[in-house]
Protein backbone atom coordinates (compact mmCIF):
# COMPACT_ATOMS: atom_id res chain seq x y z
CA MET A 1 -0.09 -0.04 -0.15
CA MET A 2 1.30 3.18 -1.16
CA THR A 3 1.38 5.92 1.77
CA LYS A 4 2.93 9.56 1.27
CA TRP A 5 3.38 11.94 4.23
CA LEU A 6 1.92 15.19 3.78
CA PRO A 7 4.46 17.56 5.57
CA SER A 8 3.96 19.85 8.43
CA MET A 9 4.82 23.56 7.92
CA MET A 10 5.40 26.70 10.17
CA GLU A 11 3.45 29.21 8.85
CA GLN A 12 3.15 31.98 11.45
CA TRP A 13 4.02 32.54 14.87
CA LEU A 14 2.53 29.68 17.44
CA THR A 15 0.97 27.72 14.51
CA PHE A 16 2.09 24.20 13.65
CA VAL A 17 -0.03 21.43 12.18
CA THR A 18 -0.71 17.46 12.93
CA SER A 19 0.69 15.08 10.77
CA LEU A 20 -1.61 12.98 8.56
CA GLU A 21 -1.16 10.23 6.43
CA PRO A 22 -3.90 9.88 3.81
CA ARG A 23 -4.37 6.89 2.00
CA ILE A 24 -4.86 8.15 -1.57
CA HIS A 25 -6.70 5.17 -3.08
CA SER A 26 -9.09 4.53 -0.21
CA LEU A 27 -10.33 7.88 0.96
CA THR A 28 -12.22 10.68 -0.37
CA ALA A 29 -11.25 14.19 -0.98
CA LYS A 30 -12.69 15.23 2.45
CA THR A 31 -9.45 13.83 3.90
CA PHE A 32 -7.40 16.41 2.16
CA GLU A 33 -10.12 18.82 3.85
CA ALA A 34 -9.27 17.65 7.18
CA TYR A 35 -5.82 18.07 6.91
CA HIS A 36 -5.87 21.71 5.62
CA ALA A 37 -8.27 22.28 8.49
CA SER A 38 -5.50 20.84 10.98
CA LYS A 39 -3.09 23.57 9.68
CA SER A 40 -4.96 26.09 11.71
CA SER A 41 -4.82 23.77 15.19
CA THR A 42 -2.70 25.56 18.10
CA ILE A 43 -1.37 23.88 20.90
CA PRO A 44 -3.33 22.29 23.22
CA ASN A 45 -6.39 22.39 20.92
CA VAL A 46 -6.04 18.97 19.31
CA ILE A 47 -9.78 18.73 20.04
CA LYS A 48 -10.27 20.91 17.41
CA VAL A 49 -8.74 18.68 14.82
CA GLN A 50 -10.85 15.92 16.13
CA LYS A 51 -13.93 17.37 15.78
CA MET A 52 -13.24 18.73 12.15
CA ALA A 53 -12.22 14.92 11.60
CA ASP A 54 -15.12 13.14 12.83
CA PRO A 55 -17.48 13.95 9.90
CA TYR A 56 -14.70 13.01 7.47
CA VAL A 57 -14.16 9.52 9.38
CA GLN A 58 -17.67 8.99 8.82
CA GLY A 59 -17.50 9.70 5.17
CA ALA A 60 -14.44 7.65 4.72
CA ARG A 61 -16.23 4.61 6.37
CA LYS A 62 -19.00 4.93 4.11
CA PHE A 63 -16.80 4.58 0.89
CA THR A 64 -14.59 1.79 2.11
CA GLN A 65 -17.38 -0.83 3.27
CA PRO A 66 -18.27 -3.55 1.14
CA TYR A 67 -21.22 -2.40 -1.57
CA PHE A 68 -24.00 -4.74 0.21
CA ASN A 69 -22.81 -3.61 3.82
CA GLN A 70 -22.96 0.17 2.46
CA LEU A 71 -26.69 -0.22 1.14
CA SER A 72 -27.61 -2.04 4.48
CA PHE A 73 -26.43 0.77 6.59
CA LEU A 74 -26.56 3.69 4.52
CA ASP A 75 -29.70 4.90 6.27
CA GLN A 76 -28.45 4.52 9.50
CA ILE A 77 -25.46 7.00 8.72
CA GLN A 78 -25.65 10.18 11.07
CA VAL A 79 -23.60 13.08 9.82
CA ILE A 80 -22.46 15.36 12.60
CA TYR A 81 -22.62 19.07 12.07
CA LEU A 82 -20.07 21.52 13.58
CA GLN A 83 -21.07 24.37 15.50
CA PHE A 84 -19.29 27.64 14.60
CA GLU A 85 -20.04 29.77 17.67
CA ALA A 86 -16.79 30.51 19.20
CA SER A 87 -16.60 34.13 17.41
CA THR A 88 -20.18 34.84 18.96
CA LEU A 89 -19.06 33.57 22.57
CA PHE A 90 -15.86 35.25 22.40
CA PRO A 91 -16.02 38.10 20.03
CA PRO A 92 -12.91 39.12 18.23
CA THR A 93 -11.01 42.42 18.65
CA THR A 94 -8.65 44.44 16.61
CA THR A 95 -5.01 43.76 16.69
CA SER A 96 -4.42 47.60 17.66
CA ASN A 97 -5.44 46.66 21.08
CA LEU A 98 -2.39 44.46 20.94
CA SER A 99 0.15 47.50 20.59
CA ASP A 100 1.52 46.86 24.14
CA PHE A 101 1.79 43.20 23.97
CA GLN A 102 5.30 41.56 23.23
CA ARG A 103 5.40 37.80 22.09
CA GLU A 104 7.97 36.38 24.13
CA THR A 105 7.07 32.94 23.63
CA THR A 106 8.49 32.34 20.10
CA PRO A 107 9.34 28.92 18.77
CA ILE A 108 12.75 27.84 19.33
CA LYS A 109 15.20 27.77 16.58
CA GLU A 110 17.57 25.00 17.50
CA LYS A 111 16.58 21.42 17.18
CA SER A 112 14.23 20.11 20.04
CA VAL A 113 14.11 16.45 21.53
CA LEU A 114 11.02 14.71 21.82
CA LYS A 115 10.95 11.72 24.23
CA ARG A 116 8.10 9.48 25.40
CA PHE A 117 7.64 8.19 29.09
CA VAL A 118 4.95 5.32 29.69
CA PHE A 119 3.36 5.16 33.02
CA SER A 120 1.24 1.95 33.82
CA SER A 121 -1.88 1.73 35.73
CA ALA A 122 0.03 0.46 38.62
CA SER A 123 2.56 3.43 38.69
CA ILE A 124 -0.11 6.08 38.15
CA VAL A 125 -1.97 4.74 41.34
CA ALA A 126 1.42 4.74 43.25
CA LEU A 127 1.92 8.40 42.26
CA LYS A 128 -1.36 9.33 43.31
CA ALA A 129 -0.95 7.68 46.68
CA LYS A 130 2.33 9.75 47.26
CA TYR A 131 1.06 13.22 46.22
CA THR A 132 -2.16 12.62 48.29
CA GLU A 133 -0.20 12.92 51.57
CA ASN A 134 1.09 16.79 50.45
CA LEU A 135 -2.70 17.64 49.89
CA GLU A 136 -4.56 19.91 52.53
CA CYS A 137 -7.91 18.33 51.31
CA PRO A 138 -9.13 14.75 51.44
CA LEU A 139 -9.33 14.45 47.54
CA HIS A 140 -6.96 12.32 45.84
CA PRO A 141 -5.26 14.06 43.07
CA SER A 142 -6.13 12.96 39.31
CA ARG A 143 -3.96 11.13 37.13
CA VAL A 144 -2.72 14.10 35.15
CA GLU A 145 -2.27 15.96 38.43
CA ALA A 146 -0.06 13.34 39.74
CA LEU A 147 2.04 12.82 36.78
CA SER A 148 2.48 16.61 36.34
CA ALA A 149 3.74 16.61 40.03
CA PHE A 150 6.10 13.77 39.21
CA LEU A 151 7.32 15.18 35.93
CA TRP A 152 8.05 18.44 37.67
CA SER A 153 9.86 17.14 40.56
CA ARG A 154 12.21 15.46 38.02
CA TYR A 155 12.49 18.93 36.19
CA VAL A 156 13.49 20.60 39.34
CA VAL A 157 16.26 18.11 39.66
CA ALA A 158 17.75 18.77 36.27
CA ALA A 159 16.99 22.38 36.18
CA GLU A 160 18.33 23.42 39.75
CA ALA A 161 22.05 22.76 38.71
CA ASN A 162 21.80 25.08 35.64
CA PHE A 163 19.47 27.84 36.83
CA GLY A 164 20.00 27.67 40.89
CA PRO A 165 17.09 27.35 43.17
CA LYS A 166 15.78 30.70 43.03
CA LYS A 167 15.01 30.80 39.22
CA LEU A 168 11.22 31.41 38.83
CA ASN A 169 9.13 29.00 36.45
CA LEU A 170 5.75 29.67 35.18
CA LEU A 171 3.66 26.66 35.00
CA LEU A 172 0.87 26.88 32.29
CA HIS A 173 -1.78 24.07 32.50
CA ALA A 174 -4.27 24.01 29.49
CA VAL A 175 -8.00 23.75 30.64
CA ASN A 176 -10.89 23.16 28.24
CA LEU A 177 -13.54 25.65 28.69
CA GLN A 178 -16.29 23.98 26.80
CA THR A 179 -17.15 22.09 29.84
CA ARG A 180 -16.79 25.08 32.50
CA MET A 181 -19.52 26.97 30.78
CA ASP A 182 -23.10 27.29 32.07
CA PRO A 183 -24.57 25.57 30.01
CA SER A 184 -21.79 23.64 28.83
CA LEU A 185 -21.05 23.62 24.93
CA THR A 186 -21.47 20.31 23.11
CA ARG A 187 -18.88 18.31 21.69
CA ASN A 188 -19.51 19.50 18.16
CA SER A 189 -18.56 23.16 19.18
CA PHE A 190 -15.64 24.06 16.95
CA GLY A 191 -12.77 26.60 18.11
CA ASN A 192 -9.70 27.27 20.05
CA ILE A 193 -11.89 27.25 23.31
CA PHE A 194 -9.33 26.94 26.09
CA ARG A 195 -7.30 28.73 28.78
CA PHE A 196 -4.23 28.32 30.63
CA ALA A 197 -4.24 27.98 34.57
CA THR A 198 -0.94 29.64 35.52
CA VAL A 199 1.14 29.03 38.87
CA ILE A 200 4.34 30.63 39.51
CA LEU A 201 6.81 28.62 41.08
CA TYR A 202 10.45 28.83 41.97
CA ILE A 203 12.60 25.81 41.20
CA GLU A 204 13.12 25.05 44.87
CA GLU A 205 9.46 24.58 45.48
CA ARG A 206 9.09 20.75 45.52
CA ASN A 207 5.90 20.50 47.68
CA GLY A 208 2.57 21.49 47.52
CA PHE A 209 2.57 21.38 43.66
CA VAL A 210 -0.61 19.63 43.46
CA GLY A 211 -2.63 21.85 45.45
CA LYS A 212 -1.47 25.17 43.73
CA VAL A 213 -2.28 23.66 40.21
CA ARG A 214 -5.46 22.44 41.43
CA ALA A 215 -6.47 25.67 42.93
CA ALA A 216 -5.24 27.48 39.86
CA ILE A 217 -7.41 25.24 37.36
CA ARG A 218 -10.67 25.58 39.97
CA LYS A 219 -10.49 29.26 39.32
CA ILE A 220 -11.20 28.84 35.86
CA ASP A 221 -15.18 28.23 36.45
CA ASN A 222 -18.32 29.81 34.57
CA GLU A 223 -17.89 33.23 36.27
CA TYR A 224 -14.33 33.26 34.96
CA VAL A 225 -15.07 32.43 31.64
CA LYS A 226 -18.09 35.09 31.64
CA LYS A 227 -15.32 37.81 32.32
CA LEU A 228 -13.25 36.27 29.40
CA GLN A 229 -16.13 37.07 27.21
CA ASP A 230 -15.31 40.73 27.73
CA HIS A 231 -12.25 41.32 25.51
CA THR A 232 -10.74 43.53 27.88
CA GLN A 233 -9.97 41.00 30.60
CA GLN A 234 -8.37 38.63 27.94
CA LEU A 235 -6.03 41.45 26.91
CA ASP A 236 -5.13 42.35 30.52
CA PHE A 237 -4.08 38.60 30.80
CA LEU A 238 -1.97 38.85 27.60
CA LYS A 239 -0.32 42.01 28.86
CA GLU A 240 0.57 40.76 32.11
CA THR A 241 1.70 37.41 30.91
CA SER A 242 4.13 39.03 28.49
CA GLY A 243 5.24 40.90 31.21
CA ILE A 244 6.22 37.92 33.27
CA PHE A 245 8.13 36.52 30.23
CA MET A 246 10.09 39.44 29.85
CA LYS A 247 11.27 39.02 33.56
CA ASP A 248 13.04 36.01 32.17
CA VAL A 249 10.71 33.36 33.72
CA VAL A 250 10.96 29.92 32.24
CA PRO A 251 7.82 28.73 30.97
CA PHE A 252 6.55 24.87 31.63
CA ILE A 253 3.50 23.78 29.88
CA PHE A 254 1.30 20.93 30.61
CA SER A 255 -1.50 19.66 28.27
CA SER A 256 -3.73 16.62 28.56
CA LEU A 257 -5.56 14.87 25.97
CA CYS A 258 -6.70 12.32 27.81
CA ARG A 259 -10.47 10.91 27.85
CA LEU A 260 -10.81 11.94 24.36
CA PRO A 261 -12.01 9.30 22.05
CA LYS A 262 -8.87 9.31 19.64
CA TYR A 263 -8.47 5.47 19.26
CA GLU A 264 -12.31 5.20 17.89
CA MET A 265 -11.24 7.42 14.96
CA ASP A 266 -11.58 4.82 11.86
CA PHE A 267 -11.12 6.31 8.31
CA GLY A 268 -12.14 2.61 6.81
CA TRP A 269 -9.13 0.71 7.65
CA GLY A 270 -9.89 0.01 11.33
CA ASN A 271 -9.04 1.77 14.64
CA PRO A 272 -5.36 2.88 15.31
CA MET A 273 -3.27 0.68 16.97
CA TRP A 274 -1.34 3.69 18.44
CA ILE A 275 -1.22 7.49 18.62
CA GLY A 276 1.65 9.21 18.89
CA GLN A 277 2.66 13.01 19.42
CA VAL A 278 5.05 15.09 17.05
CA SER A 279 7.89 17.37 18.23
CA LEU A 280 6.84 20.83 19.06
CA PRO A 281 8.73 23.91 18.50
CA PHE A 282 8.69 24.98 22.32
CA LYS A 283 10.69 23.84 25.48
CA ASN A 284 9.33 22.26 28.55
CA VAL A 285 6.04 21.14 27.02
CA VAL A 286 4.26 17.76 28.32
CA VAL A 287 1.30 16.38 26.51
CA PHE A 288 -0.53 13.30 28.21
CA ILE A 289 -2.05 10.69 26.01
CA ASP A 290 -4.07 7.79 26.93
CA ASN A 291 -2.55 4.23 25.83
CA LYS A 292 -4.94 2.22 23.74
CA SER A 293 -6.14 0.04 26.75
CA GLY A 294 -6.96 3.46 28.45
CA ASP A 295 -5.45 2.30 31.74
CA GLY A 296 -2.11 3.47 31.35
CA ILE A 297 -0.77 7.28 30.09
CA GLU A 298 1.94 8.44 27.70
CA ALA A 299 3.85 11.63 28.44
CA TRP A 300 5.38 13.25 25.49
CA LEU A 301 7.77 15.74 26.45
CA THR A 302 9.56 18.27 24.28
């Protein structure tokens, strides 16, 4: 079976694409539409690409089924229609309002290294138990919280020798806003509807990580989202964050793609055996992805 990789390209600041491998002879032209749509995706919004791909998956499946099966199930095919409402919920503003905003988080020019760390279900349970002792509330940390705390502790050991214990770090944890609005948006809502929960830590701060990250994420609720719909609140946040970066603060980004039905995607030749992550043009980025069985997690670190 002949395949050809479609190249990923950096087209503008903070923009990169997913790597799709369309099978030319077995897919319709909709696959190429999914590829071009993915060129506008930004971290950590893989949700956007997946939603765009859902209708195309159904279309590809329909054309690759045997003829009689196609006739038998043709009336059962349901097309998912995306809802383009992000610009209504969060009205765009003019770029003139960003005159004081300086982009300090530009893509790195040197080559980055991507590493994968696999955590089994047993190791995740052990980490959750370990970091429960550091919480001031009886709730256990989530899988992502426990793994974030563990990877942060390993980063601290490596970074302390290079930067010293007084170096400031800005932790950014991606939060999906669609489920934090009231009423919640449907899974068919299309757009970059996410927010970063921010925590500032010194490298020497090894304890209390889970509690601080959880507190920052809990601040992003329905009332918080309502304030974001006022563009002045968003601009103030961008300018404040820009000021922090200008103070030589090292960013560390966590993003979780867990619980997304990635392994249910079927373009006509079956569900994927394994889903990975491409290298990102930024340092200190961790992306969590469920393994195929759903009980373990892979952490992809750039």
